Amino acid sequence: AWPAAAAERDPDGNAPLHFAAGCGASPAVVTLLLDACPEAAG
């Protein structure tokens, strides 16, 4: 519904990938977020 949401960052710089990484999201979720916005890993 909103692919670019994977690149949205909060005021601390956190993208959804940061939350997934820090909250134990499943590898499948992490993969989806990386596919949508690979640059968030950096």
All heavy atoms as atom14 arrays in JSON, in Angstrom:
{
  "sequence": "AWPAAAAERDPDGNAPLHFAAGCGASPAVVTLLLDACPEAAG",
  "atom14_mask": [
    [1, 1, 1, 1, 1, 0, 0, 0, 0, 0, 0, 0, 0, 0],
    [1, 1, 1, 1, 1, 1, 1, 1, 1, 1, 1, 1, 1, 1],
    [1, 1, 1, 1, 1, 1, 1, 0, 0, 0, 0, 0, 0, 0],
    [1, 1, 1, 1, 1, 0, 0, 0, 0, 0, 0, 0, 0, 0],
    [1, 1, 1, 1, 1, 0, 0, 0, 0, 0, 0, 0, 0, 0],
    [1, 1, 1, 1, 1, 0, 0, 0, 0, 0, 0, 0, 0, 0],
    [1, 1, 1, 1, 1, 0, 0, 0, 0, 0, 0, 0, 0, 0],
    [1, 1, 1, 1, 1, 1, 1, 1, 1, 0, 0, 0, 0, 0],
    [1, 1, 1, 1, 1, 1, 1, 1, 1, 1, 1, 0, 0, 0],
    [1, 1, 1, 1, 1, 1, 1, 1, 0, 0, 0, 0, 0, 0],
    [1, 1, 1, 1, 1, 1, 1, 0, 0, 0, 0, 0, 0, 0],
    [1, 1, 1, 1, 1, 1, 1, 1, 0, 0, 0, 0, 0, 0],
    [1, 1, 1, 1, 0, 0, 0, 0, 0, 0, 0, 0, 0, 0],
    [1, 1, 1, 1, 1, 1, 1, 1, 0, 0, 0, 0, 0, 0],
    [1, 1, 1, 1, 1, 0, 0, 0, 0, 0, 0, 0, 0, 0],
    [1, 1, 1, 1, 1, 1, 1, 0, 0, 0, 0, 0, 0, 0],
    [1, 1, 1, 1, 1, 1, 1, 1, 0, 0, 0, 0, 0, 0],
    [1, 1, 1, 1, 1, 1, 1, 1, 1, 1, 0, 0, 0, 0],
    [1, 1, 1, 1, 1, 1, 1, 1, 1, 1, 1, 0, 0, 0],
    [1, 1, 1, 1, 1, 0, 0, 0, 0, 0, 0, 0, 0, 0],
    [1, 1, 1, 1, 1, 0, 0, 0, 0, 0, 0, 0, 0, 0],
    [1, 1, 1, 1, 0, 0, 0, 0, 0, 0, 0, 0, 0, 0],
    [1, 1, 1, 1, 1, 1, 0, 0, 0, 0, 0, 0, 0, 0],
    [1, 1, 1, 1, 0, 0, 0, 0, 0, 0, 0, 0, 0, 0],
    [1, 1, 1, 1, 1, 0, 0, 0, 0, 0, 0, 0, 0, 0],
    [1, 1, 1, 1, 1, 1, 0, 0, 0, 0, 0, 0, 0, 0],
    [1, 1, 1, 1, 1, 1, 1, 0, 0, 0, 0, 0, 0, 0],
    [1, 1, 1, 1, 1, 0, 0, 0, 0, 0, 0, 0, 0, 0],
    [1, 1, 1, 1, 1, 1, 1, 0, 0, 0, 0, 0, 0, 0],
    [1, 1, 1, 1, 1, 1, 1, 0, 0, 0, 0, 0, 0, 0],
    [1, 1, 1, 1, 1, 1, 1, 0, 0, 0, 0, 0, 0, 0],
    [1, 1, 1, 1, 1, 1, 1, 1, 0, 0, 0, 0, 0, 0],
    [1, 1, 1, 1, 1, 1, 1, 1, 0, 0, 0, 0, 0, 0],
    [1, 1, 1, 1, 1, 1, 1, 1, 0, 0, 0, 0, 0, 0],
    [1, 1, 1, 1, 1, 1, 1, 1, 0, 0, 0, 0, 0, 0],
    [1, 1, 1, 1, 1, 0, 0, 0, 0, 0, 0, 0, 0, 0],
    [1, 1, 1, 1, 1, 1, 0, 0, 0, 0, 0, 0, 0, 0],
    [1, 1, 1, 1, 1, 1, 1, 0, 0, 0, 0, 0, 0, 0],
    [1, 1, 1, 1, 1, 1, 1, 1, 1, 0, 0, 0, 0, 0],
    [1, 1, 1, 1, 1, 0, 0, 0, 0, 0, 0, 0, 0, 0],
    [1, 1, 1, 1, 1, 0, 0, 0, 0, 0, 0, 0, 0, 0],
    [1, 1, 1, 1, 0, 0, 0, 0, 0, 0, 0, 0, 0, 0]
  ],
  "atom14_positions": [
    [[0.82, -1.22, 0.0], [0.0, 0.0, 0.0], [0.85, 1.27, 0.0], [0.44, 2.31, -0.52], [-0.93, 0.0, 1.21], [0.0, 0.0, 0.0], [0.0, 0.0, 0.0], [0.0, 0.0, 0.0], [0.0, 0.0, 0.0], [0.0, 0.0, 0.0], [0.0, 0.0, 0.0], [0.0, 0.0, 0.0], [0.0, 0.0, 0.0], [0.0, 0.0, 0.0]],
    [[2.05, 1.19, 0.57], [2.94, 2.37, 0.64], [4.39, 1.89, 0.68], [5.02, 1.81, 1.73], [2.62, 3.21, 1.87], [3.41, 4.5, 1.99], [4.09, 5.14, 0.99], [3.59, 5.29, 3.17], [4.69, 6.28, 1.47], [4.39, 6.41, 2.8], [3.13, 5.17, 4.48], [4.76, 7.38, 3.72], [3.51, 6.15, 5.4], [4.3, 7.25, 5.03]],
    [[4.97, 1.57, -0.48], [6.34, 1.04, -0.51], [7.37, 1.96, 0.12], [8.31, 1.5, 0.77], [6.59, 0.84, -2.0], [5.23, 0.69, -2.61], [4.34, 1.58, -1.81], [0.0, 0.0, 0.0], [0.0, 0.0, 0.0], [0.0, 0.0, 0.0], [0.0, 0.0, 0.0], [0.0, 0.0, 0.0], [0.0, 0.0, 0.0], [0.0, 0.0, 0.0]],
    [[7.2, 3.26, -0.08], [8.19, 4.21, 0.42], [8.19, 4.34, 1.94], [9.08, 4.98, 2.51], [7.96, 5.59, -0.21], [0.0, 0.0, 0.0], [0.0, 0.0, 0.0], [0.0, 0.0, 0.0], [0.0, 0.0, 0.0], [0.0, 0.0, 0.0], [0.0, 0.0, 0.0], [0.0, 0.0, 0.0], [0.0, 0.0, 0.0], [0.0, 0.0, 0.0]],
    [[7.23, 3.72, 2.6], [7.2, 3.77, 4.06], [8.45, 3.14, 4.66], [8.86, 3.48, 5.77], [5.96, 3.08, 4.61], [0.0, 0.0, 0.0], [0.0, 0.0, 0.0], [0.0, 0.0, 0.0], [0.0, 0.0, 0.0], [0.0, 0.0, 0.0], [0.0, 0.0, 0.0], [0.0, 0.0, 0.0], [0.0, 0.0, 0.0], [0.0, 0.0, 0.0]],
    [[9.09, 2.24, 3.92], [10.31, 1.59, 4.42], [11.46, 2.57, 4.58], [12.43, 2.31, 5.29], [10.72, 0.46, 3.49], [0.0, 0.0, 0.0], [0.0, 0.0, 0.0], [0.0, 0.0, 0.0], [0.0, 0.0, 0.0], [0.0, 0.0, 0.0], [0.0, 0.0, 0.0], [0.0, 0.0, 0.0], [0.0, 0.0, 0.0], [0.0, 0.0, 0.0]],
    [[11.34, 3.72, 3.91], [12.39, 4.74, 3.98], [12.04, 5.89, 4.92], [12.82, 6.84, 5.06], [12.67, 5.3, 2.58], [0.0, 0.0, 0.0], [0.0, 0.0, 0.0], [0.0, 0.0, 0.0], [0.0, 0.0, 0.0], [0.0, 0.0, 0.0], [0.0, 0.0, 0.0], [0.0, 0.0, 0.0], [0.0, 0.0, 0.0], [0.0, 0.0, 0.0]],
    [[10.89, 5.81, 5.57], [10.49, 6.86, 6.5], [11.31, 6.75, 7.77], [11.49, 5.66, 8.33], [9.0, 6.74, 6.84], [8.07, 7.11, 5.71], [8.03, 8.61, 5.47], [7.79, 9.37, 6.43], [8.23, 9.03, 4.31], [0.0, 0.0, 0.0], [0.0, 0.0, 0.0], [0.0, 0.0, 0.0], [0.0, 0.0, 0.0], [0.0, 0.0, 0.0]],
    [[11.81, 7.88, 8.26], [12.66, 7.89, 9.46], [12.06, 8.81, 10.52], [11.47, 9.85, 10.2], [14.07, 8.34, 9.11], [14.72, 7.48, 8.04], [16.06, 8.01, 7.58], [17.11, 7.75, 8.57], [18.39, 8.09, 8.4], [18.74, 8.73, 7.28], [19.29, 7.82, 9.32], [0.0, 0.0, 0.0], [0.0, 0.0, 0.0], [0.0, 0.0, 0.0]],
    [[12.2, 8.4, 11.77], [11.71, 9.24, 12.86], [12.78, 10.28, 13.21], [13.87, 10.3, 12.61], [11.3, 8.39, 14.07], [12.48, 7.68, 14.74], [13.64, 8.05, 14.5], [12.22, 6.75, 15.52], [0.0, 0.0, 0.0], [0.0, 0.0, 0.0], [0.0, 0.0, 0.0], [0.0, 0.0, 0.0], [0.0, 0.0, 0.0], [0.0, 0.0, 0.0]],
    [[12.52, 11.19, 14.14], [13.5, 12.24, 14.44], [14.85, 11.72, 14.93], [15.86, 12.42, 14.84], [12.8, 13.05, 15.54], [11.34, 12.87, 15.25], [11.22, 11.45, 14.81], [0.0, 0.0, 0.0], [0.0, 0.0, 0.0], [0.0, 0.0, 0.0], [0.0, 0.0, 0.0], [0.0, 0.0, 0.0], [0.0, 0.0, 0.0], [0.0, 0.0, 0.0]],
    [[14.9, 10.47, 15.42], [16.17, 9.88, 15.85], [16.9, 9.19, 14.7], [18.01, 8.67, 14.88], [15.93, 8.85, 16.96], [15.47, 9.5, 18.25], [16.03, 10.55, 18.61], [14.55, 8.96, 18.9], [0.0, 0.0, 0.0], [0.0, 0.0, 0.0], [0.0, 0.0, 0.0], [0.0, 0.0, 0.0], [0.0, 0.0, 0.0], [0.0, 0.0, 0.0]],
    [[16.27, 9.19, 13.53], [16.89, 8.56, 12.37], [16.47, 7.12, 12.14], [16.95, 6.47, 11.2], [0.0, 0.0, 0.0], [0.0, 0.0, 0.0], [0.0, 0.0, 0.0], [0.0, 0.0, 0.0], [0.0, 0.0, 0.0], [0.0, 0.0, 0.0], [0.0, 0.0, 0.0], [0.0, 0.0, 0.0], [0.0, 0.0, 0.0], [0.0, 0.0, 0.0]],
    [[15.57, 6.6, 12.97], [15.17, 5.21, 12.85], [14.19, 4.98, 11.7], [13.13, 5.6, 11.65], [14.49, 4.73, 14.13], [15.41, 4.8, 15.34], [16.5, 4.26, 15.31], [14.95, 5.47, 16.39], [0.0, 0.0, 0.0], [0.0, 0.0, 0.0], [0.0, 0.0, 0.0], [0.0, 0.0, 0.0], [0.0, 0.0, 0.0], [0.0, 0.0, 0.0]],
    [[14.56, 4.08, 10.8], [13.64, 3.57, 9.79], [12.95, 2.33, 10.39], [13.36, 1.82, 11.43], [14.41, 3.19, 8.53], [0.0, 0.0, 0.0], [0.0, 0.0, 0.0], [0.0, 0.0, 0.0], [0.0, 0.0, 0.0], [0.0, 0.0, 0.0], [0.0, 0.0, 0.0], [0.0, 0.0, 0.0], [0.0, 0.0, 0.0], [0.0, 0.0, 0.0]],
    [[11.93, 1.83, 9.75], [11.33, 0.59, 10.25], [12.34, -0.54, 10.43], [12.2, -1.36, 11.35], [10.29, 0.25, 9.17], [9.85, 1.6, 8.67], [11.12, 2.4, 8.65], [0.0, 0.0, 0.0], [0.0, 0.0, 0.0], [0.0, 0.0, 0.0], [0.0, 0.0, 0.0], [0.0, 0.0, 0.0], [0.0, 0.0, 0.0], [0.0, 0.0, 0.0]],
    [[13.38, -0.58, 9.6], [14.39, -1.63, 9.73], [15.09, -1.57, 11.08], [15.42, -2.6, 11.66], [15.42, -1.51, 8.6], [16.52, -2.58, 8.6], [15.93, -3.97, 8.36], [17.58, -2.26, 7.54], [0.0, 0.0, 0.0], [0.0, 0.0, 0.0], [0.0, 0.0, 0.0], [0.0, 0.0, 0.0], [0.0, 0.0, 0.0], [0.0, 0.0, 0.0]],
    [[15.34, -0.37, 11.6], [15.96, -0.25, 12.91], [15.08, -0.89, 13.99], [15.58, -1.59, 14.87], [16.19, 1.22, 13.26], [17.24, 1.89, 12.43], [16.98, 2.32, 11.15], [18.55, 2.2, 12.69], [18.08, 2.89, 10.66], [19.04, 2.82, 11.57], [0.0, 0.0, 0.0], [0.0, 0.0, 0.0], [0.0, 0.0, 0.0], [0.0, 0.0, 0.0]],
    [[13.78, -0.65, 13.9], [12.87, -1.23, 14.88], [12.82, -2.75, 14.75], [12.78, -3.47, 15.74], [11.46, -0.64, 14.71], [11.3, 0.75, 15.28], [12.38, 1.51, 15.64], [10.03, 1.28, 15.45], [12.23, 2.78, 16.18], [9.86, 2.55, 15.99], [10.97, 3.31, 16.35], [0.0, 0.0, 0.0], [0.0, 0.0, 0.0], [0.0, 0.0, 0.0]],
    [[12.8, -3.22, 13.52], [12.78, -4.66, 13.29], [14.04, -5.31, 13.86], [13.98, -6.36, 14.51], [12.65, -4.96, 11.8], [0.0, 0.0, 0.0], [0.0, 0.0, 0.0], [0.0, 0.0, 0.0], [0.0, 0.0, 0.0], [0.0, 0.0, 0.0], [0.0, 0.0, 0.0], [0.0, 0.0, 0.0], [0.0, 0.0, 0.0], [0.0, 0.0, 0.0]],
    [[15.18, -4.66, 13.64], [16.45, -5.19, 14.12], [16.51, -5.22, 15.64], [17.01, -6.17, 16.24], [17.6, -4.36, 13.57], [0.0, 0.0, 0.0], [0.0, 0.0, 0.0], [0.0, 0.0, 0.0], [0.0, 0.0, 0.0], [0.0, 0.0, 0.0], [0.0, 0.0, 0.0], [0.0, 0.0, 0.0], [0.0, 0.0, 0.0], [0.0, 0.0, 0.0]],
    [[15.99, -4.19, 16.27], [16.08, -4.07, 17.72], [14.98, -4.78, 18.48], [15.08, -4.92, 19.71], [0.0, 0.0, 0.0], [0.0, 0.0, 0.0], [0.0, 0.0, 0.0], [0.0, 0.0, 0.0], [0.0, 0.0, 0.0], [0.0, 0.0, 0.0], [0.0, 0.0, 0.0], [0.0, 0.0, 0.0], [0.0, 0.0, 0.0], [0.0, 0.0, 0.0]],
    [[13.96, -5.22, 17.78], [12.82, -5.84, 18.46], [12.62, -7.3, 18.1], [11.56, -7.87, 18.36], [11.55, -5.04, 18.16], [11.58, -3.35, 18.82], [0.0, 0.0, 0.0], [0.0, 0.0, 0.0], [0.0, 0.0, 0.0], [0.0, 0.0, 0.0], [0.0, 0.0, 0.0], [0.0, 0.0, 0.0], [0.0, 0.0, 0.0], [0.0, 0.0, 0.0]],
    [[13.63, -7.88, 17.47], [13.55, -9.31, 17.19], [12.55, -9.72, 16.14], [11.99, -10.82, 16.21], [0.0, 0.0, 0.0], [0.0, 0.0, 0.0], [0.0, 0.0, 0.0], [0.0, 0.0, 0.0], [0.0, 0.0, 0.0], [0.0, 0.0, 0.0], [0.0, 0.0, 0.0], [0.0, 0.0, 0.0], [0.0, 0.0, 0.0], [0.0, 0.0, 0.0]],
    [[12.32, -8.86, 15.17], [11.4, -9.22, 14.08], [11.91, -10.46, 13.36], [13.11, -10.74, 13.35], [11.24, -8.06, 13.1], [0.0, 0.0, 0.0], [0.0, 0.0, 0.0], [0.0, 0.0, 0.0], [0.0, 0.0, 0.0], [0.0, 0.0, 0.0], [0.0, 0.0, 0.0], [0.0, 0.0, 0.0], [0.0, 0.0, 0.0], [0.0, 0.0, 0.0]],
    [[11.02, -11.18, 12.74], [11.42, -12.4, 12.05], [12.32, -12.09, 10.86], [12.26, -11.0, 10.29], [10.18, -13.15, 11.55], [9.59, -12.44, 10.46], [0.0, 0.0, 0.0], [0.0, 0.0, 0.0], [0.0, 0.0, 0.0], [0.0, 0.0, 0.0], [0.0, 0.0, 0.0], [0.0, 0.0, 0.0], [0.0, 0.0, 0.0], [0.0, 0.0, 0.0]],
    [[13.16, -13.04, 10.48], [14.0, -12.83, 9.29], [13.18, -12.5, 8.05], [13.64, -11.74, 7.19], [14.73, -14.17, 9.15], [14.82, -14.69, 10.55], [13.52, -14.29, 11.19], [0.0, 0.0, 0.0], [0.0, 0.0, 0.0], [0.0, 0.0, 0.0], [0.0, 0.0, 0.0], [0.0, 0.0, 0.0], [0.0, 0.0, 0.0], [0.0, 0.0, 0.0]],
    [[11.98, -13.05, 7.95], [11.14, -12.76, 6.78], [10.76, -11.29, 6.74], [10.75, -10.66, 5.67], [9.88, -13.63, 6.82], [0.0, 0.0, 0.0], [0.0, 0.0, 0.0], [0.0, 0.0, 0.0], [0.0, 0.0, 0.0], [0.0, 0.0, 0.0], [0.0, 0.0, 0.0], [0.0, 0.0, 0.0], [0.0, 0.0, 0.0], [0.0, 0.0, 0.0]],
    [[10.46, -10.72, 7.9], [10.12, -9.29, 7.97], [11.36, -8.45, 7.65], [11.28, -7.47, 6.89], [9.56, -8.92, 9.37], [9.54, -7.41, 9.57], [8.17, -9.5, 9.54], [0.0, 0.0, 0.0], [0.0, 0.0, 0.0], [0.0, 0.0, 0.0], [0.0, 0.0, 0.0], [0.0, 0.0, 0.0], [0.0, 0.0, 0.0], [0.0, 0.0, 0.0]],
    [[12.49, -8.81, 8.2], [13.73, -8.08, 7.92], [14.04, -8.1, 6.42], [14.4, -7.07, 5.84], [14.89, -8.69, 8.73], [16.24, -8.16, 8.23], [14.72, -8.39, 10.21], [0.0, 0.0, 0.0], [0.0, 0.0, 0.0], [0.0, 0.0, 0.0], [0.0, 0.0, 0.0], [0.0, 0.0, 0.0], [0.0, 0.0, 0.0], [0.0, 0.0, 0.0]],
    [[13.85, -9.24, 5.79], [14.11, -9.35, 4.36], [13.18, -8.46, 3.55], [13.61, -7.79, 2.6], [13.95, -10.81, 3.91], [14.93, -11.61, 4.58], [14.15, -10.95, 2.4], [0.0, 0.0, 0.0], [0.0, 0.0, 0.0], [0.0, 0.0, 0.0], [0.0, 0.0, 0.0], [0.0, 0.0, 0.0], [0.0, 0.0, 0.0], [0.0, 0.0, 0.0]],
    [[11.91, -8.42, 3.92], [10.96, -7.55, 3.22], [11.37, -6.08, 3.33], [11.31, -5.33, 2.35], [9.56, -7.74, 3.8], [8.85, -9.04, 3.43], [7.6, -9.24, 4.31], [8.44, -9.03, 1.96], [0.0, 0.0, 0.0], [0.0, 0.0, 0.0], [0.0, 0.0, 0.0], [0.0, 0.0, 0.0], [0.0, 0.0, 0.0], [0.0, 0.0, 0.0]],
    [[11.78, -5.67, 4.52], [12.17, -4.28, 4.72], [13.45, -3.95, 3.96], [13.59, -2.86, 3.4], [12.34, -4.0, 6.21], [11.06, -4.07, 7.05], [11.37, -3.94, 8.53], [10.07, -2.99, 6.63], [0.0, 0.0, 0.0], [0.0, 0.0, 0.0], [0.0, 0.0, 0.0], [0.0, 0.0, 0.0], [0.0, 0.0, 0.0], [0.0, 0.0, 0.0]],
    [[14.4, -4.9, 3.93], [15.63, -4.68, 3.18], [15.36, -4.62, 1.68], [15.96, -3.8, 0.96], [16.62, -5.79, 3.48], [17.39, -5.69, 4.8], [18.15, -6.97, 5.07], [18.34, -4.49, 4.78], [0.0, 0.0, 0.0], [0.0, 0.0, 0.0], [0.0, 0.0, 0.0], [0.0, 0.0, 0.0], [0.0, 0.0, 0.0], [0.0, 0.0, 0.0]],
    [[14.48, -5.47, 1.2], [14.14, -5.44, -0.22], [13.51, -4.1, -0.61], [13.73, -3.59, -1.71], [13.16, -6.58, -0.55], [13.84, -7.95, -0.55], [15.09, -8.0, -0.54], [13.11, -8.96, -0.54], [0.0, 0.0, 0.0], [0.0, 0.0, 0.0], [0.0, 0.0, 0.0], [0.0, 0.0, 0.0], [0.0, 0.0, 0.0], [0.0, 0.0, 0.0]],
    [[12.72, -3.55, 0.31], [12.02, -2.29, 0.01], [12.95, -1.08, 0.14], [12.78, -0.09, -0.58], [10.83, -2.13, 0.96], [0.0, 0.0, 0.0], [0.0, 0.0, 0.0], [0.0, 0.0, 0.0], [0.0, 0.0, 0.0], [0.0, 0.0, 0.0], [0.0, 0.0, 0.0], [0.0, 0.0, 0.0], [0.0, 0.0, 0.0], [0.0, 0.0, 0.0]],
    [[13.92, -1.18, 1.04], [14.83, -0.04, 1.26], [16.18, -0.55, 1.75], [16.51, -0.45, 2.94], [14.22, 0.93, 2.29], [15.19, 2.44, 2.55], [0.0, 0.0, 0.0], [0.0, 0.0, 0.0], [0.0, 0.0, 0.0], [0.0, 0.0, 0.0], [0.0, 0.0, 0.0], [0.0, 0.0, 0.0], [0.0, 0.0, 0.0], [0.0, 0.0, 0.0]],
    [[16.99, -1.1, 0.86], [18.28, -1.67, 1.28], [19.22, -0.66, 1.91], [20.03, -1.0, 2.77], [18.85, -2.25, -0.02], [18.09, -1.59, -1.12], [16.74, -1.28, -0.57], [0.0, 0.0, 0.0], [0.0, 0.0, 0.0], [0.0, 0.0, 0.0], [0.0, 0.0, 0.0], [0.0, 0.0, 0.0], [0.0, 0.0, 0.0], [0.0, 0.0, 0.0]],
    [[19.1, 0.6, 1.49], [20.01, 1.62, 2.02], [19.81, 1.87, 3.51], [20.7, 2.39, 4.19], [19.88, 2.94, 1.26], [18.49, 3.53, 1.22], [17.68, 3.09, 0.0], [17.84, 1.94, -0.44], [16.88, 3.92, -0.47], [0.0, 0.0, 0.0], [0.0, 0.0, 0.0], [0.0, 0.0, 0.0], [0.0, 0.0, 0.0], [0.0, 0.0, 0.0]],
    [[18.64, 1.47, 4.06], [18.39, 1.67, 5.49], [19.39, 0.93, 6.36], [19.64, 1.32, 7.5], [16.96, 1.23, 5.84], [0.0, 0.0, 0.0], [0.0, 0.0, 0.0], [0.0, 0.0, 0.0], [0.0, 0.0, 0.0], [0.0, 0.0, 0.0], [0.0, 0.0, 0.0], [0.0, 0.0, 0.0], [0.0, 0.0, 0.0], [0.0, 0.0, 0.0]],
    [[19.99, -0.12, 5.81], [21.0, -0.86, 6.57], [22.22, 0.0, 6.88], [22.98, -0.3, 7.82], [21.43, -2.11, 5.81], [0.0, 0.0, 0.0], [0.0, 0.0, 0.0], [0.0, 0.0, 0.0], [0.0, 0.0, 0.0], [0.0, 0.0, 0.0], [0.0, 0.0, 0.0], [0.0, 0.0, 0.0], [0.0, 0.0, 0.0], [0.0, 0.0, 0.0]],
    [[22.41, 1.06, 6.11], [23.56, 1.95, 6.31], [23.21, 3.25, 7.0], [24.05, 4.16, 7.06], [0.0, 0.0, 0.0], [0.0, 0.0, 0.0], [0.0, 0.0, 0.0], [0.0, 0.0, 0.0], [0.0, 0.0, 0.0], [0.0, 0.0, 0.0], [0.0, 0.0, 0.0], [0.0, 0.0, 0.0], [0.0, 0.0, 0.0], [0.0, 0.0, 0.0]]
  ]
}
